[in-house]
Amino acid sequence: MRENQRSPEKELIKIPEQKENEITAEYLLRLESDGRFLFHGSPNTEIKRLMTGDAYCATGHPDRNRCAVYATDHARLAVMRAILPPPDKTPSCHIVTEMSDGQAILKIRSSIEIQLVDGAVYVLSKGNFRDVPDADWQSYTPINVLKKISVDLADFEALGGVIDQEILDLPPPKPKFTREERFKKD
């Protein structure tokens, strides 16, 4: 694990401004190549300070389930996470995010079409974050947002992102027990 020793509270970080004719995707890539910043994508566009929280990882990878602030050094992944609707708005949906040869691929499998949303990418300092292999960057303390950048599907596509959405004809989930089994007396 790589740990960054600088503290963002002790160091004033100047974020380059977006140039007049620079599209959002180009600006994000410029910030990414700077190397001093991490990104957190969210459909919530009102975040000022990121609080630690429990993450959920279906693979059960221990470093992906820690109570932490999660960030990535890949702008594409942050934009992809920003345009996904909140989990409570996507029932019966399986979403997989992948990076392949620098290309972000968003695979959505569900019984209904998932409407992607406008979101925000929050720019963060690498200070107080640890690079955890296969689990992005993590901070175990709350993190102040340095800059908010509004993003949408067009930004994801401009970054080379690919949407692979398949509507599945799924039967309703079967209950684990029949009514008789549930109320059976021993």
N, C-alpha and C. Protein backbone atom coordinates (compact mmCIF):
# COMPACT_ATOMS: atom_id res chain seq x y z
N MET A 1 0.83 -1.18 0.00
CA MET A 1 0.00 0.00 0.00
C MET A 1 0.87 1.24 0.00
N ARG A 2 0.50 2.16 -0.82
CA ARG A 2 1.20 3.44 -0.89
C ARG A 2 0.42 4.42 -0.03
N GLU A 3 1.10 5.19 0.77
CA GLU A 3 0.42 6.17 1.60
C GLU A 3 0.99 7.55 1.30
N ASN A 4 0.10 8.50 1.14
CA ASN A 4 0.53 9.86 0.88
C ASN A 4 0.60 10.59 2.21
N GLN A 5 1.72 11.18 2.54
CA GLN A 5 1.96 11.76 3.85
C GLN A 5 1.48 13.20 3.99
N ARG A 6 1.24 13.89 2.87
CA ARG A 6 0.85 15.30 2.96
C ARG A 6 -0.57 15.43 3.50
N SER A 7 -0.80 16.45 4.25
CA SER A 7 -2.13 16.72 4.76
C SER A 7 -2.74 17.89 4.01
N PRO A 8 -3.96 17.73 3.44
CA PRO A 8 -4.54 18.83 2.67
C PRO A 8 -4.85 20.04 3.54
N GLU A 9 -5.07 19.83 4.85
CA GLU A 9 -5.35 20.96 5.73
C GLU A 9 -4.11 21.83 5.94
N LYS A 10 -2.93 21.24 5.83
CA LYS A 10 -1.70 21.97 6.08
C LYS A 10 -1.12 22.57 4.80
N GLU A 11 -1.67 22.18 3.68
CA GLU A 11 -1.10 22.59 2.40
C GLU A 11 -2.19 23.18 1.52
N LEU A 12 -2.00 24.39 1.09
CA LEU A 12 -2.98 25.02 0.20
C LEU A 12 -2.74 24.51 -1.21
N ILE A 13 -3.75 23.88 -1.77
CA ILE A 13 -3.61 23.30 -3.10
C ILE A 13 -4.35 24.16 -4.10
N LYS A 14 -3.62 24.61 -5.10
CA LYS A 14 -4.22 25.44 -6.15
C LYS A 14 -4.64 24.52 -7.28
N ILE A 15 -5.92 24.53 -7.57
CA ILE A 15 -6.45 23.72 -8.66
C ILE A 15 -6.46 24.55 -9.93
N PRO A 16 -5.90 24.02 -11.01
CA PRO A 16 -5.95 24.75 -12.28
C PRO A 16 -7.40 24.99 -12.69
N GLU A 17 -7.67 26.13 -13.25
CA GLU A 17 -9.02 26.46 -13.72
C GLU A 17 -9.27 25.85 -15.09
N GLN A 18 -10.54 25.64 -15.40
CA GLN A 18 -10.91 25.15 -16.72
C GLN A 18 -10.71 26.27 -17.73
N LYS A 19 -10.03 25.94 -18.83
CA LYS A 19 -9.77 26.94 -19.87
C LYS A 19 -11.05 27.27 -20.61
N GLU A 20 -11.08 28.44 -21.24
CA GLU A 20 -12.29 28.95 -21.89
C GLU A 20 -12.89 27.98 -22.91
N ASN A 21 -12.10 27.40 -23.77
CA ASN A 21 -12.61 26.50 -24.82
C ASN A 21 -12.42 25.03 -24.50
N GLU A 22 -12.10 24.72 -23.26
CA GLU A 22 -11.83 23.35 -22.85
C GLU A 22 -13.12 22.67 -22.41
N ILE A 23 -13.43 21.52 -23.02
CA ILE A 23 -14.63 20.80 -22.60
C ILE A 23 -14.34 20.11 -21.27
N THR A 24 -15.40 19.73 -20.57
CA THR A 24 -15.26 19.13 -19.24
C THR A 24 -14.36 17.90 -19.27
N ALA A 25 -14.53 17.05 -20.27
CA ALA A 25 -13.71 15.83 -20.36
C ALA A 25 -12.22 16.16 -20.44
N GLU A 26 -11.86 17.15 -21.25
CA GLU A 26 -10.46 17.55 -21.38
C GLU A 26 -9.94 18.11 -20.06
N TYR A 27 -10.77 18.89 -19.39
CA TYR A 27 -10.38 19.47 -18.10
C TYR A 27 -10.12 18.37 -17.07
N LEU A 28 -11.01 17.39 -17.01
CA LEU A 28 -10.82 16.29 -16.07
C LEU A 28 -9.55 15.51 -16.37
N LEU A 29 -9.27 15.27 -17.64
CA LEU A 29 -8.05 14.55 -18.01
C LEU A 29 -6.81 15.36 -17.66
N ARG A 30 -6.90 16.68 -17.78
CA ARG A 30 -5.76 17.54 -17.41
C ARG A 30 -5.52 17.46 -15.89
N LEU A 31 -6.60 17.47 -15.11
CA LEU A 31 -6.45 17.34 -13.66
C LEU A 31 -5.89 15.95 -13.30
N GLU A 32 -6.37 14.93 -14.01
CA GLU A 32 -5.88 13.57 -13.78
C GLU A 32 -4.38 13.48 -14.04
N SER A 33 -3.93 14.07 -15.14
CA SER A 33 -2.50 13.99 -15.50
C SER A 33 -1.62 14.83 -14.57
N ASP A 34 -2.21 15.78 -13.86
CA ASP A 34 -1.47 16.60 -12.90
C ASP A 34 -0.86 15.73 -11.80
N GLY A 35 -1.59 14.68 -11.39
CA GLY A 35 -1.08 13.75 -10.40
C GLY A 35 -1.31 14.11 -8.95
N ARG A 36 -1.81 15.31 -8.67
CA ARG A 36 -2.02 15.72 -7.27
C ARG A 36 -3.44 15.47 -6.79
N PHE A 37 -4.32 15.05 -7.70
CA PHE A 37 -5.73 15.00 -7.36
C PHE A 37 -6.33 13.60 -7.50
N LEU A 38 -7.38 13.39 -6.72
CA LEU A 38 -8.22 12.20 -6.83
C LEU A 38 -9.62 12.67 -7.14
N PHE A 39 -10.48 11.74 -7.53
CA PHE A 39 -11.84 12.07 -7.94
C PHE A 39 -12.85 11.17 -7.25
N HIS A 40 -13.98 11.75 -6.89
CA HIS A 40 -15.09 11.00 -6.31
C HIS A 40 -16.33 11.37 -7.10
N GLY A 41 -16.95 10.40 -7.75
CA GLY A 41 -18.15 10.66 -8.54
C GLY A 41 -19.40 10.31 -7.77
N SER A 42 -20.42 11.15 -7.88
CA SER A 42 -21.67 10.92 -7.15
C SER A 42 -22.84 11.57 -7.88
N PRO A 43 -24.03 10.92 -7.82
CA PRO A 43 -25.22 11.58 -8.35
C PRO A 43 -25.68 12.71 -7.42
N ASN A 44 -25.16 12.74 -6.20
CA ASN A 44 -25.46 13.81 -5.25
C ASN A 44 -24.59 15.02 -5.61
N THR A 45 -25.23 16.10 -6.00
CA THR A 45 -24.48 17.28 -6.47
C THR A 45 -24.31 18.36 -5.41
N GLU A 46 -24.57 18.02 -4.15
CA GLU A 46 -24.52 19.03 -3.09
C GLU A 46 -23.49 18.72 -2.01
N ILE A 47 -22.50 17.94 -2.29
CA ILE A 47 -21.53 17.53 -1.27
C ILE A 47 -20.46 18.62 -1.10
N LYS A 48 -20.18 18.96 0.14
CA LYS A 48 -19.11 19.91 0.47
C LYS A 48 -17.95 19.18 1.17
N ARG A 49 -18.32 18.15 1.93
CA ARG A 49 -17.34 17.37 2.70
C ARG A 49 -17.76 15.91 2.60
N LEU A 50 -16.83 15.06 2.18
CA LEU A 50 -17.12 13.63 2.07
C LEU A 50 -16.87 12.95 3.41
N MET A 51 -17.88 12.28 3.89
CA MET A 51 -17.79 11.58 5.17
C MET A 51 -17.46 10.12 4.92
N THR A 52 -16.79 9.50 5.88
CA THR A 52 -16.51 8.08 5.75
C THR A 52 -17.83 7.32 5.82
N GLY A 53 -17.89 6.24 5.10
CA GLY A 53 -19.10 5.43 5.11
C GLY A 53 -18.78 4.01 4.70
N ASP A 54 -19.71 3.14 5.00
CA ASP A 54 -19.54 1.74 4.63
C ASP A 54 -19.74 1.59 3.13
N ALA A 55 -18.86 0.88 2.52
CA ALA A 55 -18.99 0.56 1.10
C ALA A 55 -19.54 -0.84 0.99
N TYR A 56 -20.06 -1.14 -0.17
CA TYR A 56 -20.54 -2.49 -0.41
C TYR A 56 -19.84 -3.04 -1.62
N CYS A 57 -19.25 -4.19 -1.45
CA CYS A 57 -18.56 -4.85 -2.56
C CYS A 57 -19.07 -6.28 -2.65
N ALA A 58 -19.70 -6.61 -3.76
CA ALA A 58 -20.27 -7.94 -3.93
C ALA A 58 -19.22 -9.04 -3.91
N THR A 59 -17.97 -8.71 -4.24
CA THR A 59 -16.93 -9.74 -4.26
C THR A 59 -16.46 -10.10 -2.87
N GLY A 60 -16.77 -9.25 -1.88
CA GLY A 60 -16.32 -9.52 -0.52
C GLY A 60 -14.86 -9.18 -0.29
N HIS A 61 -14.21 -8.50 -1.23
CA HIS A 61 -12.80 -8.11 -1.08
C HIS A 61 -12.69 -7.29 0.20
N PRO A 62 -11.84 -7.71 1.18
CA PRO A 62 -11.80 -7.02 2.47
C PRO A 62 -11.45 -5.54 2.39
N ASP A 63 -10.61 -5.14 1.45
CA ASP A 63 -10.23 -3.74 1.36
C ASP A 63 -11.29 -2.89 0.67
N ARG A 64 -12.32 -3.50 0.12
CA ARG A 64 -13.38 -2.75 -0.54
C ARG A 64 -14.60 -2.57 0.34
N ASN A 65 -14.56 -3.07 1.56
CA ASN A 65 -15.71 -2.97 2.45
C ASN A 65 -15.40 -2.17 3.70
N ARG A 66 -14.34 -1.40 3.69
CA ARG A 66 -13.97 -0.61 4.87
C ARG A 66 -14.80 0.66 4.97
N CYS A 67 -14.95 1.13 6.19
CA CYS A 67 -15.62 2.41 6.43
C CYS A 67 -14.59 3.49 6.07
N ALA A 68 -14.79 4.13 4.92
CA ALA A 68 -13.79 5.06 4.40
C ALA A 68 -14.44 6.00 3.40
N VAL A 69 -13.69 7.02 3.01
CA VAL A 69 -14.03 7.83 1.83
C VAL A 69 -13.27 7.17 0.68
N TYR A 70 -13.98 6.88 -0.40
CA TYR A 70 -13.37 6.22 -1.55
C TYR A 70 -13.19 7.23 -2.68
N ALA A 71 -12.05 7.15 -3.35
CA ALA A 71 -11.77 8.02 -4.49
C ALA A 71 -10.95 7.23 -5.50
N THR A 72 -10.86 7.76 -6.70
CA THR A 72 -10.10 7.12 -7.76
C THR A 72 -9.19 8.14 -8.42
N ASP A 73 -8.11 7.63 -9.02
CA ASP A 73 -7.24 8.54 -9.78
C ASP A 73 -7.60 8.51 -11.26
N HIS A 74 -8.70 7.85 -11.62
CA HIS A 74 -9.20 7.78 -13.00
C HIS A 74 -10.45 8.64 -13.14
N ALA A 75 -10.36 9.73 -13.86
CA ALA A 75 -11.52 10.62 -14.05
C ALA A 75 -12.68 9.88 -14.70
N ARG A 76 -12.39 8.96 -15.62
CA ARG A 76 -13.46 8.21 -16.30
C ARG A 76 -14.32 7.44 -15.31
N LEU A 77 -13.67 6.78 -14.35
CA LEU A 77 -14.42 6.02 -13.35
C LEU A 77 -15.28 6.93 -12.50
N ALA A 78 -14.74 8.07 -12.12
CA ALA A 78 -15.51 9.01 -11.30
C ALA A 78 -16.74 9.51 -12.05
N VAL A 79 -16.59 9.83 -13.33
CA VAL A 79 -17.74 10.28 -14.12
C VAL A 79 -18.76 9.15 -14.24
N MET A 80 -18.29 7.94 -14.45
CA MET A 80 -19.19 6.79 -14.55
C MET A 80 -20.00 6.64 -13.27
N ARG A 81 -19.35 6.77 -12.13
CA ARG A 81 -20.06 6.64 -10.85
C ARG A 81 -21.01 7.81 -10.62
N ALA A 82 -20.68 8.97 -11.17
CA ALA A 82 -21.52 10.15 -10.99
C ALA A 82 -22.83 10.06 -11.77
N ILE A 83 -22.83 9.40 -12.91
CA ILE A 83 -24.04 9.37 -13.74
C ILE A 83 -24.97 8.20 -13.41
N LEU A 84 -24.54 7.34 -12.49
CA LEU A 84 -25.41 6.24 -12.06
C LEU A 84 -26.42 6.75 -11.05
N PRO A 85 -27.69 6.35 -11.17
CA PRO A 85 -28.65 6.76 -10.16
C PRO A 85 -28.30 6.13 -8.81
N PRO A 86 -28.77 6.72 -7.71
CA PRO A 86 -28.49 6.15 -6.40
C PRO A 86 -28.98 4.70 -6.32
N PRO A 87 -28.31 3.84 -5.54
CA PRO A 87 -28.69 2.43 -5.46
C PRO A 87 -30.15 2.20 -5.06
N ASP A 88 -30.71 3.08 -4.23
CA ASP A 88 -32.11 2.88 -3.83
C ASP A 88 -33.09 3.18 -4.96
N LYS A 89 -32.60 3.76 -6.05
CA LYS A 89 -33.44 4.06 -7.22
C LYS A 89 -33.28 3.02 -8.33
N THR A 90 -32.47 2.01 -8.09
CA THR A 90 -32.21 1.00 -9.12
C THR A 90 -32.46 -0.41 -8.58
N PRO A 91 -33.71 -0.73 -8.23
CA PRO A 91 -33.99 -2.08 -7.74
C PRO A 91 -33.82 -3.10 -8.86
N SER A 92 -33.53 -4.31 -8.49
CA SER A 92 -33.39 -5.41 -9.45
C SER A 92 -32.43 -5.06 -10.58
N CYS A 93 -31.32 -4.49 -10.22
CA CYS A 93 -30.36 -4.05 -11.22
C CYS A 93 -28.97 -4.55 -10.84
N HIS A 94 -28.24 -5.02 -11.82
CA HIS A 94 -26.86 -5.45 -11.62
C HIS A 94 -25.97 -4.53 -12.44
N ILE A 95 -25.09 -3.82 -11.76
CA ILE A 95 -24.22 -2.85 -12.43
C ILE A 95 -22.77 -3.25 -12.20
N VAL A 96 -22.01 -3.31 -13.28
CA VAL A 96 -20.59 -3.65 -13.20
C VAL A 96 -19.82 -2.51 -13.87
N THR A 97 -18.79 -2.04 -13.19
CA THR A 97 -17.93 -1.03 -13.79
C THR A 97 -16.56 -1.67 -14.03
N GLU A 98 -16.00 -1.42 -15.18
CA GLU A 98 -14.71 -2.02 -15.55
C GLU A 98 -13.82 -0.97 -16.18
N MET A 99 -12.53 -1.17 -16.02
CA MET A 99 -11.55 -0.41 -16.78
C MET A 99 -10.82 -1.43 -17.64
N SER A 100 -10.78 -1.19 -18.93
CA SER A 100 -10.12 -2.10 -19.85
C SER A 100 -9.31 -1.28 -20.85
N ASP A 101 -8.02 -1.43 -20.82
CA ASP A 101 -7.13 -0.67 -21.71
C ASP A 101 -7.41 0.83 -21.63
N GLY A 102 -7.63 1.34 -20.42
CA GLY A 102 -7.89 2.76 -20.24
C GLY A 102 -9.30 3.19 -20.58
N GLN A 103 -10.14 2.24 -20.99
CA GLN A 103 -11.52 2.57 -21.36
C GLN A 103 -12.44 2.15 -20.22
N ALA A 104 -13.33 3.05 -19.82
CA ALA A 104 -14.31 2.73 -18.79
C ALA A 104 -15.53 2.11 -19.44
N ILE A 105 -15.95 0.97 -18.92
CA ILE A 105 -17.12 0.29 -19.45
C ILE A 105 -18.14 0.14 -18.34
N LEU A 106 -19.34 0.62 -18.58
CA LEU A 106 -20.43 0.53 -17.62
C LEU A 106 -21.40 -0.52 -18.14
N LYS A 107 -21.48 -1.65 -17.45
CA LYS A 107 -22.39 -2.72 -17.85
C LYS A 107 -23.59 -2.71 -16.91
N ILE A 108 -24.78 -2.60 -17.49
CA ILE A 108 -26.00 -2.57 -16.70
C ILE A 108 -26.88 -3.73 -17.16
N ARG A 109 -27.28 -4.56 -16.23
CA ARG A 109 -28.19 -5.67 -16.51
C ARG A 109 -29.39 -5.52 -15.58
N SER A 110 -30.57 -5.35 -16.15
CA SER A 110 -31.75 -5.17 -15.31
C SER A 110 -33.00 -5.54 -16.08
N SER A 111 -34.10 -5.60 -15.36
CA SER A 111 -35.38 -5.92 -16.00
C SER A 111 -36.07 -4.66 -16.51
N ILE A 112 -35.55 -3.50 -16.13
CA ILE A 112 -36.09 -2.22 -16.61
C ILE A 112 -34.94 -1.36 -17.11
N GLU A 113 -35.23 -0.40 -17.97
CA GLU A 113 -34.18 0.49 -18.44
C GLU A 113 -33.78 1.44 -17.32
N ILE A 114 -32.50 1.55 -17.08
CA ILE A 114 -31.98 2.44 -16.04
C ILE A 114 -31.68 3.79 -16.68
N GLN A 115 -32.28 4.83 -16.13
CA GLN A 115 -32.05 6.18 -16.63
C GLN A 115 -30.83 6.77 -15.93
N LEU A 116 -29.81 7.07 -16.71
CA LEU A 116 -28.62 7.68 -16.14
C LEU A 116 -28.93 9.13 -15.78
N VAL A 117 -28.18 9.68 -14.85
CA VAL A 117 -28.48 10.99 -14.29
C VAL A 117 -27.30 11.95 -14.49
N ASP A 118 -27.55 13.22 -14.31
CA ASP A 118 -26.46 14.20 -14.23
C ASP A 118 -25.92 14.11 -12.81
N GLY A 119 -24.63 14.25 -12.66
CA GLY A 119 -24.02 14.14 -11.34
C GLY A 119 -22.87 15.11 -11.18
N ALA A 120 -21.99 14.77 -10.26
CA ALA A 120 -20.84 15.63 -10.00
C ALA A 120 -19.60 14.79 -9.75
N VAL A 121 -18.48 15.30 -10.22
CA VAL A 121 -17.18 14.73 -9.86
C VAL A 121 -16.55 15.72 -8.89
N TYR A 122 -16.18 15.20 -7.74
CA TYR A 122 -15.55 16.02 -6.71
C TYR A 122 -14.04 15.82 -6.78
N VAL A 123 -13.32 16.91 -6.88
CA VAL A 123 -11.86 16.87 -6.95
C VAL A 123 -11.34 16.95 -5.52
N LEU A 124 -10.42 16.04 -5.19
CA LEU A 124 -9.89 15.93 -3.84
C LEU A 124 -8.37 15.92 -3.89
N SER A 125 -7.75 16.31 -2.80
CA SER A 125 -6.29 16.21 -2.69
C SER A 125 -5.92 14.77 -2.35
N LYS A 126 -4.77 14.31 -2.83
CA LYS A 126 -4.31 12.97 -2.48
C LYS A 126 -3.88 12.86 -1.02
N GLY A 127 -3.66 13.99 -0.35
CA GLY A 127 -3.27 13.96 1.06
C GLY A 127 -4.32 13.22 1.88
N ASN A 128 -3.90 12.46 2.86
CA ASN A 128 -4.76 11.68 3.75
C ASN A 128 -5.40 10.47 3.07
N PHE A 129 -5.03 10.16 1.85
CA PHE A 129 -5.56 8.96 1.18
C PHE A 129 -4.47 7.91 1.10
N ARG A 130 -4.89 6.66 1.11
CA ARG A 130 -3.99 5.53 0.90
C ARG A 130 -4.41 4.83 -0.38
N ASP A 131 -3.44 4.46 -1.18
CA ASP A 131 -3.71 3.71 -2.40
C ASP A 131 -3.78 2.23 -2.03
N VAL A 132 -4.97 1.67 -2.09
CA VAL A 132 -5.18 0.27 -1.74
C VAL A 132 -5.32 -0.51 -3.04
N PRO A 133 -4.40 -1.43 -3.33
CA PRO A 133 -4.48 -2.17 -4.59
C PRO A 133 -5.85 -2.82 -4.77
N ASP A 134 -6.39 -2.73 -5.96
CA ASP A 134 -7.69 -3.30 -6.33
C ASP A 134 -8.86 -2.70 -5.56
N ALA A 135 -8.65 -1.58 -4.89
CA ALA A 135 -9.76 -0.98 -4.13
C ALA A 135 -9.74 0.54 -4.17
N ASP A 136 -9.17 1.13 -5.19
CA ASP A 136 -9.11 2.58 -5.30
C ASP A 136 -8.31 3.18 -4.15
N TRP A 137 -8.52 4.45 -3.90
CA TRP A 137 -7.86 5.17 -2.82
C TRP A 137 -8.85 5.31 -1.67
N GLN A 138 -8.35 5.23 -0.43
CA GLN A 138 -9.22 5.31 0.73
C GLN A 138 -8.67 6.31 1.74
N SER A 139 -9.60 7.04 2.37
CA SER A 139 -9.25 7.90 3.51
C SER A 139 -10.15 7.48 4.66
N TYR A 140 -9.57 7.38 5.83
CA TYR A 140 -10.34 6.96 6.99
C TYR A 140 -10.80 8.15 7.82
N THR A 141 -10.65 9.35 7.25
CA THR A 141 -11.15 10.57 7.88
C THR A 141 -11.96 11.34 6.84
N PRO A 142 -12.90 12.18 7.27
CA PRO A 142 -13.67 12.99 6.31
C PRO A 142 -12.74 13.87 5.48
N ILE A 143 -13.16 14.16 4.26
CA ILE A 143 -12.33 14.91 3.30
C ILE A 143 -13.11 16.10 2.76
N ASN A 144 -12.47 17.27 2.77
CA ASN A 144 -13.08 18.46 2.17
C ASN A 144 -12.95 18.40 0.65
N VAL A 145 -13.99 18.81 -0.02
CA VAL A 145 -14.00 18.86 -1.48
C VAL A 145 -13.24 20.11 -1.92
N LEU A 146 -12.31 19.95 -2.86
CA LEU A 146 -11.58 21.09 -3.40
C LEU A 146 -12.36 21.78 -4.51
N LYS A 147 -13.06 20.98 -5.31
CA LYS A 147 -13.80 21.54 -6.44
C LYS A 147 -14.88 20.55 -6.86
N LYS A 148 -16.03 21.08 -7.26
CA LYS A 148 -17.11 20.26 -7.81
C LYS A 148 -17.21 20.55 -9.30
N ILE A 149 -17.28 19.47 -10.10
CA ILE A 149 -17.43 19.60 -11.55
C ILE A 149 -18.69 18.85 -11.96
N SER A 150 -19.65 19.55 -12.52
CA SER A 150 -20.89 18.91 -12.98
C SER A 150 -20.62 18.08 -14.22
N VAL A 151 -21.19 16.86 -14.26
CA VAL A 151 -20.96 15.95 -15.39
C VAL A 151 -22.27 15.28 -15.81
N ASP A 152 -22.26 14.76 -17.04
CA ASP A 152 -23.42 14.03 -17.56
C ASP A 152 -22.93 12.93 -18.50
N LEU A 153 -23.87 12.25 -19.13
CA LEU A 153 -23.54 11.15 -20.03
C LEU A 153 -22.60 11.59 -21.15
N ALA A 154 -22.80 12.79 -21.69
CA ALA A 154 -21.94 13.27 -22.78
C ALA A 154 -20.48 13.36 -22.34
N ASP A 155 -20.25 13.74 -21.08
CA ASP A 155 -18.87 13.80 -20.57
C ASP A 155 -18.27 12.40 -20.49
N PHE A 156 -19.06 11.44 -20.03
CA PHE A 156 -18.59 10.06 -19.96
C PHE A 156 -18.20 9.55 -21.34
N GLU A 157 -19.06 9.81 -22.31
CA GLU A 157 -18.78 9.37 -23.69
C GLU A 157 -17.58 10.11 -24.28
N ALA A 158 -17.42 11.40 -23.95
CA ALA A 158 -16.27 12.16 -24.45
C ALA A 158 -14.95 11.63 -23.88
N LEU A 159 -15.03 10.99 -22.73
CA LEU A 159 -13.85 10.37 -22.12
C LEU A 159 -13.62 8.96 -22.65
N GLY A 160 -14.41 8.54 -23.64
CA GLY A 160 -14.26 7.20 -24.20
C GLY A 160 -15.05 6.15 -23.46
N GLY A 161 -15.94 6.57 -22.57
CA GLY A 161 -16.75 5.63 -21.81
C GLY A 161 -17.78 4.93 -22.69
N VAL A 162 -18.08 3.70 -22.35
CA VAL A 162 -19.02 2.89 -23.12
C VAL A 162 -20.13 2.41 -22.19
N ILE A 163 -21.37 2.56 -22.65
CA ILE A 163 -22.53 2.05 -21.91
C ILE A 163 -22.95 0.75 -22.58
N ASP A 164 -23.03 -0.31 -21.81
CA ASP A 164 -23.46 -1.62 -22.29
C ASP A 164 -24.67 -2.00 -21.43
N GLN A 165 -25.86 -1.60 -21.87
CA GLN A 165 -27.08 -1.85 -21.10
C GLN A 165 -27.91 -2.93 -21.78
N GLU A 166 -28.30 -3.91 -21.02
CA GLU A 166 -29.13 -4.99 -21.54
C GLU A 166 -30.34 -5.14 -20.64
N ILE A 167 -31.51 -5.08 -21.27
CA ILE A 167 -32.76 -5.28 -20.53
C ILE A 167 -33.05 -6.78 -20.55
N LEU A 168 -33.12 -7.35 -19.40
CA LEU A 168 -33.34 -8.79 -19.29
C LEU A 168 -34.80 -9.09 -18.98
N ASP A 169 -35.30 -10.15 -19.55
CA ASP A 169 -36.65 -10.60 -19.25
C ASP A 169 -36.55 -11.54 -18.06
N LEU A 170 -36.54 -10.95 -16.89
CA LEU A 170 -36.34 -11.73 -15.67
C LEU A 170 -37.66 -12.03 -14.99
N PRO A 171 -37.83 -13.25 -14.52
CA PRO A 171 -39.02 -13.53 -13.72
C PRO A 171 -38.87 -12.85 -12.36
N PRO A 172 -39.97 -12.60 -11.67
CA PRO A 172 -39.82 -12.01 -10.34
C PRO A 172 -39.03 -12.95 -9.44
N PRO A 173 -38.28 -12.42 -8.49
CA PRO A 173 -37.47 -13.29 -7.64
C PRO A 173 -38.36 -14.24 -6.85
N LYS A 174 -37.88 -15.47 -6.71
CA LYS A 174 -38.62 -16.47 -5.95
C LYS A 174 -38.34 -16.26 -4.47
N PRO A 175 -39.36 -16.43 -3.64
CA PRO A 175 -39.09 -16.34 -2.20
C PRO A 175 -38.22 -17.52 -1.77
N LYS A 176 -37.45 -17.30 -0.73
CA LYS A 176 -36.58 -18.37 -0.25
C LYS A 176 -37.38 -19.51 0.37
N PHE A 177 -38.55 -19.16 0.91
CA PHE A 177 -39.40 -20.17 1.55
C PHE A 177 -40.81 -19.99 1.03
N THR A 178 -41.53 -21.08 0.97
CA THR A 178 -42.96 -20.96 0.66
C THR A 178 -43.66 -20.46 1.90
N ARG A 179 -44.86 -19.98 1.74
CA ARG A 179 -45.63 -19.50 2.89
C ARG A 179 -45.80 -20.61 3.92
N GLU A 180 -46.04 -21.83 3.45
CA GLU A 180 -46.22 -22.95 4.37
C GLU A 180 -44.94 -23.24 5.15
N GLU A 181 -43.81 -23.19 4.46
CA GLU A 181 -42.53 -23.44 5.14
C GLU A 181 -42.21 -22.36 6.16
N ARG A 182 -42.54 -21.13 5.84
CA ARG A 182 -42.24 -20.01 6.74
C ARG A 182 -43.02 -20.12 8.05
N PHE A 183 -44.27 -20.55 7.97
CA PHE A 183 -45.12 -20.58 9.16
C PHE A 183 -45.26 -21.99 9.75
N LYS A 184 -44.47 -22.90 9.26
CA LYS A 184 -44.51 -24.28 9.75
C LYS A 184 -44.02 -24.31 11.19
N LYS A 185 -44.75 -25.01 12.03
CA LYS A 185 -44.35 -25.13 13.44
C LYS A 185 -43.52 -26.38 13.61
N ASP A 186 -42.47 -26.24 14.37
CA ASP A 186 -41.60 -27.41 14.62
C ASP A 186 -42.15 -28.30 15.69
